[in-house]
Amino acid sequence: MEKKLPEDLKEIKSIRVQQPGRGSVFVREAIKNMFNPTMDFENMGVTSIDDDHIFLYMINGSGEHRYTTFWTIKEGRAISQIIYSNPE
Protein backbone atom coordinates (compact mmCIF):
# COMPACT_ATOMS: atom_id res chain seq x y z
CA MET A 1 0.00 0.00 0.00
CA GLU A 2 1.39 3.41 -0.98
CA LYS A 3 1.22 6.29 1.52
CA LYS A 4 -0.36 9.48 0.26
CA LEU A 5 1.68 12.58 1.09
CA PRO A 6 0.06 15.93 1.95
CA GLU A 7 -0.14 18.34 -1.02
CA ASP A 8 1.60 21.18 0.87
CA LEU A 9 4.62 19.03 1.78
CA LYS A 10 7.94 20.56 0.70
CA GLU A 11 10.71 18.24 -0.51
CA ILE A 12 14.43 19.02 -0.72
CA LYS A 13 15.37 18.94 -4.40
CA SER A 14 19.08 19.84 -4.21
CA ILE A 15 21.89 20.66 -1.81
CA ARG A 16 25.04 22.50 -2.80
CA VAL A 17 28.07 22.99 -0.53
CA GLN A 18 30.79 25.49 -1.47
CA GLN A 19 34.31 25.11 -0.14
CA PRO A 20 37.36 27.13 -1.11
CA GLY A 21 38.42 25.71 -4.47
CA ARG A 22 35.73 23.00 -4.49
CA GLY A 23 31.98 22.70 -4.63
CA SER A 24 29.68 19.75 -3.99
CA VAL A 25 26.25 19.04 -5.39
CA PHE A 26 24.53 16.14 -3.65
CA VAL A 27 23.32 13.34 -5.88
CA ARG A 28 19.57 12.73 -5.80
CA GLU A 29 20.05 9.46 -3.91
CA ALA A 30 21.62 11.36 -0.98
CA ILE A 31 18.57 13.60 -0.48
CA LYS A 32 15.53 11.64 -1.68
CA ASN A 33 12.49 11.53 0.59
CA MET A 34 13.65 14.47 2.68
CA PHE A 35 10.67 16.67 3.48
CA ASN A 36 9.91 19.98 5.20
CA PRO A 37 13.46 21.37 5.15
CA THR A 38 14.52 23.94 7.69
CA MET A 39 14.78 27.51 6.48
CA ASP A 40 16.42 28.52 9.77
CA PHE A 41 20.23 28.64 9.69
CA GLU A 42 20.20 27.93 13.44
CA ASN A 43 19.03 24.39 12.52
CA MET A 44 21.86 23.52 10.16
CA GLY A 45 25.59 23.50 10.33
CA VAL A 46 28.81 22.35 8.75
CA THR A 47 32.25 21.57 10.10
CA SER A 48 35.42 20.02 8.75
CA ILE A 49 38.37 18.02 10.01
CA ASP A 50 40.56 18.82 6.99
CA ASP A 51 40.24 20.11 3.41
CA ASP A 52 38.83 16.78 2.17
CA HIS A 53 36.29 15.84 4.88
CA ILE A 54 33.28 17.92 5.91
CA PHE A 55 30.19 17.09 7.93
CA LEU A 56 26.81 18.71 7.38
CA TYR A 57 23.67 18.46 9.49
CA MET A 58 20.10 19.73 9.09
CA ILE A 59 17.18 19.56 11.53
CA ASN A 60 14.01 19.28 9.43
CA GLY A 61 10.29 18.78 9.93
CA SER A 62 8.44 19.63 13.12
CA GLY A 63 6.56 18.03 15.97
CA GLU A 64 6.34 14.25 15.70
CA HIS A 65 7.80 14.45 12.17
CA ARG A 66 11.02 16.21 13.19
CA TYR A 67 14.29 14.57 12.13
CA THR A 68 17.98 15.33 11.85
CA THR A 69 20.10 14.33 8.87
CA PHE A 70 23.89 14.04 9.01
CA TRP A 71 26.11 13.73 5.92
CA THR A 72 29.79 12.95 5.53
CA ILE A 73 31.30 14.62 2.46
CA LYS A 74 34.70 13.39 1.28
CA GLU A 75 36.55 15.11 -1.54
CA GLY A 76 33.38 16.88 -2.65
CA ARG A 77 31.09 13.80 -2.66
CA ALA A 78 28.42 12.81 -0.14
CA ILE A 79 29.60 9.38 1.00
CA SER A 80 27.21 8.69 3.89
CA GLN A 81 23.90 9.87 5.29
CA ILE A 82 22.29 9.18 8.66
CA ILE A 83 18.69 10.16 9.40
CA TYR A 84 17.76 10.33 13.07
CA SER A 85 14.15 10.76 14.19
CA ASN A 86 13.99 13.21 17.09
CA PRO A 87 10.46 14.45 17.80
CA GLU A 88 10.09 17.69 19.73
PDB file of N, CA and C in Angstrom:
ATOM      1  N   MET A   1       0.842  -1.170   0.000  1.00  0.00           N
ATOM      2  CA  MET A   1       0.000   0.000   0.000  1.00  0.00           C
ATOM      3  C   MET A   1       0.893   1.241   0.000  1.00  0.00           C
ATOM      4  N   GLU A   2       0.599   2.189  -0.857  1.00  0.00           N
ATOM      5  CA  GLU A   2       1.391   3.410  -0.982  1.00  0.00           C
ATOM      6  C   GLU A   2       0.803   4.498  -0.095  1.00  0.00           C
ATOM      7  N   LYS A   3       1.687   5.188   0.671  1.00  0.00           N
ATOM      8  CA  LYS A   3       1.221   6.286   1.517  1.00  0.00           C
ATOM      9  C   LYS A   3       0.990   7.517   0.670  1.00  0.00           C
ATOM     10  N   LYS A   4      -0.090   8.229   0.948  1.00  0.00           N
ATOM     11  CA  LYS A   4      -0.365   9.479   0.255  1.00  0.00           C
ATOM     12  C   LYS A   4       0.226  10.616   1.078  1.00  0.00           C
ATOM     13  N   LEU A   5       1.036  11.461   0.415  1.00  0.00           N
ATOM     14  CA  LEU A   5       1.675  12.579   1.093  1.00  0.00           C
ATOM     15  C   LEU A   5       0.809  13.829   0.988  1.00  0.00           C
ATOM     16  N   PRO A   6       0.831  14.680   2.009  1.00  0.00           N
ATOM     17  CA  PRO A   6       0.059  15.927   1.948  1.00  0.00           C
ATOM     18  C   PRO A   6       0.501  16.795   0.779  1.00  0.00           C
ATOM     19  N   GLU A   7      -0.444  17.510   0.152  1.00  0.00           N
ATOM     20  CA  GLU A   7      -0.139  18.336  -1.015  1.00  0.00           C
ATOM     21  C   GLU A   7       0.807  19.488  -0.694  1.00  0.00           C
ATOM     22  N   ASP A   8       0.778  20.018   0.517  1.00  0.00           N
ATOM     23  CA  ASP A   8       1.601  21.179   0.870  1.00  0.00           C
ATOM     24  C   ASP A   8       2.987  20.785   1.389  1.00  0.00           C
ATOM     25  N   LEU A   9       3.336  19.507   1.313  1.00  0.00           N
ATOM     26  CA  LEU A   9       4.624  19.027   1.782  1.00  0.00           C
ATOM     27  C   LEU A   9       5.737  19.539   0.875  1.00  0.00           C
ATOM     28  N   LYS A  10       6.792  20.072   1.467  1.00  0.00           N
ATOM     29  CA  LYS A  10       7.939  20.564   0.702  1.00  0.00           C
ATOM     30  C   LYS A  10       9.037  19.511   0.744  1.00  0.00           C
ATOM     31  N   GLU A  11       9.641  19.230  -0.429  1.00  0.00           N
ATOM     32  CA  GLU A  11      10.707  18.243  -0.511  1.00  0.00           C
ATOM     33  C   GLU A  11      12.002  18.931  -0.924  1.00  0.00           C
ATOM     34  N   ILE A  12      13.122  18.495  -0.339  1.00  0.00           N
ATOM     35  CA  ILE A  12      14.426  19.018  -0.723  1.00  0.00           C
ATOM     36  C   ILE A  12      14.759  18.464  -2.101  1.00  0.00           C
ATOM     37  N   LYS A  13      15.058  19.352  -3.033  1.00  0.00           N
ATOM     38  CA  LYS A  13      15.374  18.940  -4.403  1.00  0.00           C
ATOM     39  C   LYS A  13      16.868  18.957  -4.679  1.00  0.00           C
ATOM     40  N   SER A  14      17.634  19.817  -3.996  1.00  0.00           N
ATOM     41  CA  SER A  14      19.075  19.844  -4.213  1.00  0.00           C
ATOM     42  C   SER A  14      19.773  20.470  -3.018  1.00  0.00           C
ATOM     43  N   ILE A  15      21.031  20.071  -2.831  1.00  0.00           N
ATOM     44  CA  ILE A  15      21.893  20.655  -1.805  1.00  0.00           C
ATOM     45  C   ILE A  15      23.234  20.921  -2.472  1.00  0.00           C
ATOM     46  N   ARG A  16      23.740  22.113  -2.252  1.00  0.00           N
ATOM     47  CA  ARG A  16      25.041  22.498  -2.803  1.00  0.00           C
ATOM     48  C   ARG A  16      25.891  23.026  -1.656  1.00  0.00           C
ATOM     49  N   VAL A  17      27.126  22.548  -1.556  1.00  0.00           N
ATOM     50  CA  VAL A  17      28.069  22.986  -0.529  1.00  0.00           C
ATOM     51  C   VAL A  17      29.274  23.584  -1.233  1.00  0.00           C
ATOM     52  N   GLN A  18      29.615  24.824  -0.896  1.00  0.00           N
ATOM     53  CA  GLN A  18      30.795  25.491  -1.473  1.00  0.00           C
ATOM     54  C   GLN A  18      31.932  25.468  -0.467  1.00  0.00           C
ATOM     55  N   GLN A  19      33.088  25.052  -0.927  1.00  0.00           N
ATOM     56  CA  GLN A  19      34.315  25.108  -0.142  1.00  0.00           C
ATOM     57  C   GLN A  19      35.324  25.893  -0.967  1.00  0.00           C
ATOM     58  N   PRO A  20      36.325  26.448  -0.331  1.00  0.00           N
ATOM     59  CA  PRO A  20      37.359  27.132  -1.111  1.00  0.00           C
ATOM     60  C   PRO A  20      37.973  26.177  -2.142  1.00  0.00           C
ATOM     61  N   GLY A  21      37.848  26.517  -3.403  1.00  0.00           N
ATOM     62  CA  GLY A  21      38.423  25.708  -4.468  1.00  0.00           C
ATOM     63  C   GLY A  21      37.650  24.459  -4.839  1.00  0.00           C
ATOM     64  N   ARG A  22      36.494  24.222  -4.219  1.00  0.00           N
ATOM     65  CA  ARG A  22      35.733  23.000  -4.491  1.00  0.00           C
ATOM     66  C   ARG A  22      34.267  23.218  -4.147  1.00  0.00           C
ATOM     67  N   GLY A  23      33.409  22.656  -4.923  1.00  0.00           N
ATOM     68  CA  GLY A  23      31.983  22.699  -4.634  1.00  0.00           C
ATOM     69  C   GLY A  23      31.416  21.297  -4.705  1.00  0.00           C
ATOM     70  N   SER A  24      30.325  21.058  -3.987  1.00  0.00           N
ATOM     71  CA  SER A  24      29.679  19.755  -3.987  1.00  0.00           C
ATOM     72  C   SER A  24      28.204  19.943  -4.290  1.00  0.00           C
ATOM     73  N   VAL A  25      27.685  19.113  -5.169  1.00  0.00           N
ATOM     74  CA  VAL A  25      26.248  19.038  -5.390  1.00  0.00           C
ATOM     75  C   VAL A  25      25.854  17.618  -5.029  1.00  0.00           C
ATOM     76  N   PHE A  26      24.915  17.466  -4.120  1.00  0.00           N
ATOM     77  CA  PHE A  26      24.532  16.141  -3.654  1.00  0.00           C
ATOM     78  C   PHE A  26      23.748  15.414  -4.736  1.00  0.00           C
ATOM     79  N   VAL A  27      24.076  14.148  -4.942  1.00  0.00           N
ATOM     80  CA  VAL A  27      23.320  13.340  -5.883  1.00  0.00           C
ATOM     81  C   VAL A  27      21.924  13.115  -5.320  1.00  0.00           C
ATOM     82  N   ARG A  28      20.971  12.890  -6.194  1.00  0.00           N
ATOM     83  CA  ARG A  28      19.568  12.733  -5.802  1.00  0.00           C
ATOM     84  C   ARG A  28      19.394  11.640  -4.737  1.00  0.00           C
ATOM     85  N   GLU A  29      20.153  10.571  -4.855  1.00  0.00           N
ATOM     86  CA  GLU A  29      20.046   9.459  -3.912  1.00  0.00           C
ATOM     87  C   GLU A  29      20.370   9.888  -2.476  1.00  0.00           C
ATOM     88  N   ALA A  30      21.207  10.907  -2.317  1.00  0.00           N
ATOM     89  CA  ALA A  30      21.618  11.363  -0.984  1.00  0.00           C
ATOM     90  C   ALA A  30      20.582  12.265  -0.327  1.00  0.00           C
ATOM     91  N   ILE A  31      19.557  12.685  -1.062  1.00  0.00           N
ATOM     92  CA  ILE A  31      18.569  13.602  -0.481  1.00  0.00           C
ATOM     93  C   ILE A  31      17.127  13.186  -0.752  1.00  0.00           C
ATOM     94  N   LYS A  32      16.909  12.023  -1.365  1.00  0.00           N
ATOM     95  CA  LYS A  32      15.532  11.640  -1.683  1.00  0.00           C
ATOM     96  C   LYS A  32      14.721  11.424  -0.409  1.00  0.00           C
ATOM     97  N   ASN A  33      13.435  11.704  -0.515  1.00  0.00           N
ATOM     98  CA  ASN A  33      12.486  11.533   0.591  1.00  0.00           C
ATOM     99  C   ASN A  33      12.808  12.379   1.812  1.00  0.00           C
ATOM    100  N   MET A  34      13.416  13.539   1.594  1.00  0.00           N
ATOM    101  CA  MET A  34      13.647  14.471   2.685  1.00  0.00           C
ATOM    102  C   MET A  34      12.630  15.607   2.550  1.00  0.00           C
ATOM    103  N   PHE A  35      11.783  15.740   3.559  1.00  0.00           N
ATOM    104  CA  PHE A  35      10.672  16.672   3.475  1.00  0.00           C
ATOM    105  C   PHE A  35      10.747  17.756   4.546  1.00  0.00           C
ATOM    106  N   ASN A  36      10.016  18.830   4.297  1.00  0.00           N
ATOM    107  CA  ASN A  36       9.910  19.982   5.201  1.00  0.00           C
ATOM    108  C   ASN A  36      11.272  20.456   5.702  1.00  0.00           C
ATOM    109  N   PRO A  37      12.110  20.911   4.766  1.00  0.00           N
ATOM    110  CA  PRO A  37      13.457  21.371   5.148  1.00  0.00           C
ATOM    111  C   PRO A  37      13.404  22.604   6.040  1.00  0.00           C
ATOM    112  N   THR A  38      14.404  22.749   6.859  1.00  0.00           N
ATOM    113  CA  THR A  38      14.519  23.939   7.691  1.00  0.00           C
ATOM    114  C   THR A  38      14.899  25.133   6.825  1.00  0.00           C
ATOM    115  N   MET A  39      14.376  26.268   7.141  1.00  0.00           N
ATOM    116  CA  MET A  39      14.783  27.506   6.483  1.00  0.00           C
ATOM    117  C   MET A  39      15.485  28.398   7.507  1.00  0.00           C
ATOM    118  N   ASP A  40      15.795  27.815   8.663  1.00  0.00           N
ATOM    119  CA  ASP A  40      16.419  28.523   9.773  1.00  0.00           C
ATOM    120  C   ASP A  40      17.878  28.079   9.879  1.00  0.00           C
ATOM    121  N   PHE A  41      18.812  28.993   9.660  1.00  0.00           N
ATOM    122  CA  PHE A  41      20.225  28.638   9.690  1.00  0.00           C
ATOM    123  C   PHE A  41      20.701  28.223  11.086  1.00  0.00           C
ATOM    124  N   GLU A  42      19.875  28.427  12.103  1.00  0.00           N
ATOM    125  CA  GLU A  42      20.199  27.932  13.439  1.00  0.00           C
ATOM    126  C   GLU A  42      20.037  26.414  13.498  1.00  0.00           C
ATOM    127  N   ASN A  43      19.312  25.822  12.537  1.00  0.00           N
ATOM    128  CA  ASN A  43      19.027  24.389  12.523  1.00  0.00           C
ATOM    129  C   ASN A  43      19.853  23.628  11.494  1.00  0.00           C
ATOM    130  N   MET A  44      20.950  24.217  11.064  1.00  0.00           N
ATOM    131  CA  MET A  44      21.860  23.520  10.158  1.00  0.00           C
ATOM    132  C   MET A  44      23.272  23.971  10.451  1.00  0.00           C
ATOM    133  N   GLY A  45      24.215  23.135  10.084  1.00  0.00           N
ATOM    134  CA  GLY A  45      25.595  23.495  10.333  1.00  0.00           C
ATOM    135  C   GLY A  45      26.540  22.617   9.547  1.00  0.00           C
ATOM    136  N   VAL A  46      27.764  23.073   9.470  1.00  0.00           N
ATOM    137  CA  VAL A  46      28.806  22.354   8.749  1.00  0.00           C
ATOM    138  C   VAL A  46      30.114  22.531   9.505  1.00  0.00           C
ATOM    139  N   THR A  47      30.919  21.491   9.502  1.00  0.00           N
ATOM    140  CA  THR A  47      32.245  21.566  10.100  1.00  0.00           C
ATOM    141  C   THR A  47      33.183  20.685   9.285  1.00  0.00           C
ATOM    142  N   SER A  48      34.471  20.837   9.487  1.00  0.00           N
ATOM    143  CA  SER A  48      35.423  20.018   8.745  1.00  0.00           C
ATOM    144  C   SER A  48      36.556  19.584   9.659  1.00  0.00           C
ATOM    145  N   ILE A  49      37.192  18.465   9.274  1.00  0.00           N
ATOM    146  CA  ILE A  49      38.371  18.018  10.006  1.00  0.00           C
ATOM    147  C   ILE A  49      39.637  18.288   9.200  1.00  0.00           C
ATOM    148  N   ASP A  50      39.460  18.449   7.881  1.00  0.00           N
ATOM    149  CA  ASP A  50      40.560  18.822   6.994  1.00  0.00           C
ATOM    150  C   ASP A  50      39.941  19.305   5.680  1.00  0.00           C
ATOM    151  N   ASP A  51      40.758  19.582   4.688  1.00  0.00           N
ATOM    152  CA  ASP A  51      40.240  20.106   3.413  1.00  0.00           C
ATOM    153  C   ASP A  51      39.400  19.098   2.642  1.00  0.00           C
ATOM    154  N   ASP A  52      39.525  17.816   2.947  1.00  0.00           N
ATOM    155  CA  ASP A  52      38.833  16.784   2.172  1.00  0.00           C
ATOM    156  C   ASP A  52      37.617  16.178   2.858  1.00  0.00           C
ATOM    157  N   HIS A  53      37.392  16.454   4.137  1.00  0.00           N
ATOM    158  CA  HIS A  53      36.293  15.842   4.880  1.00  0.00           C
ATOM    159  C   HIS A  53      35.460  16.922   5.569  1.00  0.00           C
ATOM    160  N   ILE A  54      34.181  16.999   5.206  1.00  0.00           N
ATOM    161  CA  ILE A  54      33.282  17.916   5.909  1.00  0.00           C
ATOM    162  C   ILE A  54      32.037  17.160   6.352  1.00  0.00           C
ATOM    163  N   PHE A  55      31.389  17.694   7.363  1.00  0.00           N
ATOM    164  CA  PHE A  55      30.193  17.089   7.928  1.00  0.00           C
ATOM    165  C   PHE A  55      29.106  18.157   7.953  1.00  0.00           C
ATOM    166  N   LEU A  56      27.936  17.795   7.480  1.00  0.00           N
ATOM    167  CA  LEU A  56      26.807  18.713   7.375  1.00  0.00           C
ATOM    168  C   LEU A  56      25.630  18.117   8.120  1.00  0.00           C
ATOM    169  N   TYR A  57      24.898  18.948   8.866  1.00  0.00           N
ATOM    170  CA  TYR A  57      23.667  18.461   9.487  1.00  0.00           C
ATOM    171  C   TYR A  57      22.539  19.446   9.234  1.00  0.00           C
ATOM    172  N   MET A  58      21.314  18.922   9.205  1.00  0.00           N
ATOM    173  CA  MET A  58      20.099  19.733   9.087  1.00  0.00           C
ATOM    174  C   MET A  58      19.033  19.126   9.983  1.00  0.00           C
ATOM    175  N   ILE A  59      18.334  19.986  10.745  1.00  0.00           N
ATOM    176  CA  ILE A  59      17.184  19.558  11.528  1.00  0.00           C
ATOM    177  C   ILE A  59      15.961  19.989  10.731  1.00  0.00           C
ATOM    178  N   ASN A  60      15.150  19.021  10.300  1.00  0.00           N
ATOM    179  CA  ASN A  60      14.009  19.280   9.426  1.00  0.00           C
ATOM    180  C   ASN A  60      12.712  18.812  10.060  1.00  0.00           C
ATOM    181  N   GLY A  61      11.600  19.192   9.449  1.00  0.00           N
ATOM    182  CA  GLY A  61      10.294  18.784   9.935  1.00  0.00           C
ATOM    183  C   GLY A  61       9.936  19.500  11.222  1.00  0.00           C
ATOM    184  N   SER A  62       8.858  19.055  11.847  1.00  0.00           N
ATOM    185  CA  SER A  62       8.438  19.631  13.119  1.00  0.00           C
ATOM    186  C   SER A  62       7.558  18.635  13.856  1.00  0.00           C
ATOM    187  N   GLY A  63       7.402  18.889  15.151  1.00  0.00           N
ATOM    188  CA  GLY A  63       6.562  18.028  15.974  1.00  0.00           C
ATOM    189  C   GLY A  63       6.993  16.579  15.913  1.00  0.00           C
ATOM    190  N   GLU A  64       6.025  15.682  15.749  1.00  0.00           N
ATOM    191  CA  GLU A  64       6.336  14.247  15.700  1.00  0.00           C
ATOM    192  C   GLU A  64       7.063  13.839  14.428  1.00  0.00           C
ATOM    193  N   HIS A  65       7.126  14.746  13.439  1.00  0.00           N
ATOM    194  CA  HIS A  65       7.797  14.454  12.169  1.00  0.00           C
ATOM    195  C   HIS A  65       9.171  15.129  12.069  1.00  0.00           C
ATOM    196  N   ARG A  66       9.714  15.550  13.182  1.00  0.00           N
ATOM    197  CA  ARG A  66      11.024  16.206  13.191  1.00  0.00           C
ATOM    198  C   ARG A  66      12.128  15.156  13.067  1.00  0.00           C
ATOM    199  N   TYR A  67      13.160  15.477  12.300  1.00  0.00           N
ATOM    200  CA  TYR A  67      14.286  14.568  12.133  1.00  0.00           C
ATOM    201  C   TYR A  67      15.550  15.355  11.838  1.00  0.00           C
ATOM    202  N   THR A  68      16.684  14.737  12.129  1.00  0.00           N
ATOM    203  CA  THR A  68      17.980  15.330  11.852  1.00  0.00           C
ATOM    204  C   THR A  68      18.704  14.442  10.858  1.00  0.00           C
ATOM    205  N   THR A  69      19.317  15.056   9.862  1.00  0.00           N
ATOM    206  CA  THR A  69      20.099  14.333   8.870  1.00  0.00           C
ATOM    207  C   THR A  69      21.547  14.773   8.978  1.00  0.00           C
ATOM    208  N   PHE A  70      22.449  13.797   8.976  1.00  0.00           N
ATOM    209  CA  PHE A  70      23.892  14.041   9.008  1.00  0.00           C
ATOM    210  C   PHE A  70      24.504  13.470   7.728  1.00  0.00           C
ATOM    211  N   TRP A  71      25.378  14.229   7.090  1.00  0.00           N
ATOM    212  CA  TRP A  71      26.106  13.733   5.915  1.00  0.00           C
ATOM    213  C   TRP A  71      27.602  13.833   6.170  1.00  0.00           C
ATOM    214  N   THR A  72      28.342  12.875   5.619  1.00  0.00           N
ATOM    215  CA  THR A  72      29.793  12.950   5.532  1.00  0.00           C
ATOM    216  C   THR A  72      30.116  13.217   4.075  1.00  0.00           C
ATOM    217  N   ILE A  73      30.920  14.248   3.824  1.00  0.00           N
ATOM    218  CA  ILE A  73      31.303  14.618   2.463  1.00  0.00           C
ATOM    219  C   ILE A  73      32.815  14.469   2.373  1.00  0.00           C
ATOM    220  N   LYS A  74      33.261  13.633   1.465  1.00  0.00           N
ATOM    221  CA  LYS A  74      34.696  13.392   1.283  1.00  0.00           C
ATOM    222  C   LYS A  74      35.071  13.781  -0.140  1.00  0.00           C
ATOM    223  N   GLU A  75      36.056  14.659  -0.243  1.00  0.00           N
ATOM    224  CA  GLU A  75      36.554  15.113  -1.541  1.00  0.00           C
ATOM    225  C   GLU A  75      35.422  15.571  -2.458  1.00  0.00           C
ATOM    226  N   GLY A  76      34.455  16.293  -1.870  1.00  0.00           N
ATOM    227  CA  GLY A  76      33.376  16.879  -2.653  1.00  0.00           C
ATOM    228  C   GLY A  76      32.201  15.973  -2.935  1.00  0.00           C
ATOM    229  N   ARG A  77      32.187  14.734  -2.414  1.00  0.00           N
ATOM    230  CA  ARG A  77      31.087  13.802  -2.665  1.00  0.00           C
ATOM    231  C   ARG A  77      30.453  13.357  -1.362  1.00  0.00           C
ATOM    232  N   ALA A  78      29.120  13.323  -1.315  1.00  0.00           N
ATOM    233  CA  ALA A  78      28.418  12.811  -0.142  1.00  0.00           C
ATOM    234  C   ALA A  78      28.630  11.300  -0.107  1.00  0.00           C
ATOM    235  N   ILE A  79      29.304  10.807   0.942  1.00  0.00           N
ATOM    236  CA  ILE A  79      29.599   9.376   1.001  1.00  0.00           C
ATOM    237  C   ILE A  79      28.748   8.627   2.019  1.00  0.00           C
ATOM    238  N   SER A  80      28.114   9.361   2.952  1.00  0.00           N
ATOM    239  CA  SER A  80      27.210   8.689   3.887  1.00  0.00           C
ATOM    240  C   SER A  80      26.143   9.665   4.368  1.00  0.00           C
ATOM    241  N   GLN A  81      25.019   9.091   4.764  1.00  0.00           N
ATOM    242  CA  GLN A  81      23.900   9.870   5.286  1.00  0.00           C
ATOM    243  C   GLN A  81      23.259   9.078   6.418  1.00  0.00           C
ATOM    244  N   ILE A  82      22.999   9.768   7.518  1.00  0.00           N
ATOM    245  CA  ILE A  82      22.295   9.177   8.656  1.00  0.00           C
ATOM    246  C   ILE A  82      21.084  10.043   8.930  1.00  0.00           C
ATOM    247  N   ILE A  83      19.919   9.433   9.056  1.00  0.00           N
ATOM    248  CA  ILE A  83      18.692  10.159   9.398  1.00  0.00           C
ATOM    249  C   ILE A  83      18.254   9.677  10.778  1.00  0.00           C
ATOM    250  N   TYR A  84      18.109  10.623  11.688  1.00  0.00           N
ATOM    251  CA  TYR A  84      17.760  10.326  13.068  1.00  0.00           C
ATOM    252  C   TYR A  84      16.437  10.994  13.401  1.00  0.00           C
ATOM    253  N   SER A  85      15.444  10.203  13.804  1.00  0.00           N
ATOM    254  CA  SER A  85      14.145  10.755  14.193  1.00  0.00           C
ATOM    255  C   SER A  85      14.255  11.303  15.605  1.00  0.00           C
ATOM    256  N   ASN A  86      13.918  12.596  15.764  1.00  0.00           N
ATOM    257  CA  ASN A  86      13.989  13.208  17.090  1.00  0.00           C
ATOM    258  C   ASN A  86      12.814  14.165  17.291  1.00  0.00           C
ATOM    259  N   PRO A  87      11.636  13.603  17.591  1.00  0.00           N
ATOM    260  CA  PRO A  87      10.458  14.449  17.796  1.00  0.00           C
ATOM    261  C   PRO A  87      10.669  15.476  18.887  1.00  0.00           C
ATOM    262  N   GLU A  88       9.975  16.611  18.731  1.00  0.00           N
ATOM    263  CA  GLU A  88      10.092  17.688  19.727  1.00  0.00           C
ATOM    264  C   GLU A  88       9.389  17.288  20.992  1.00  0.00           C
TER     265      GLU A  88
END
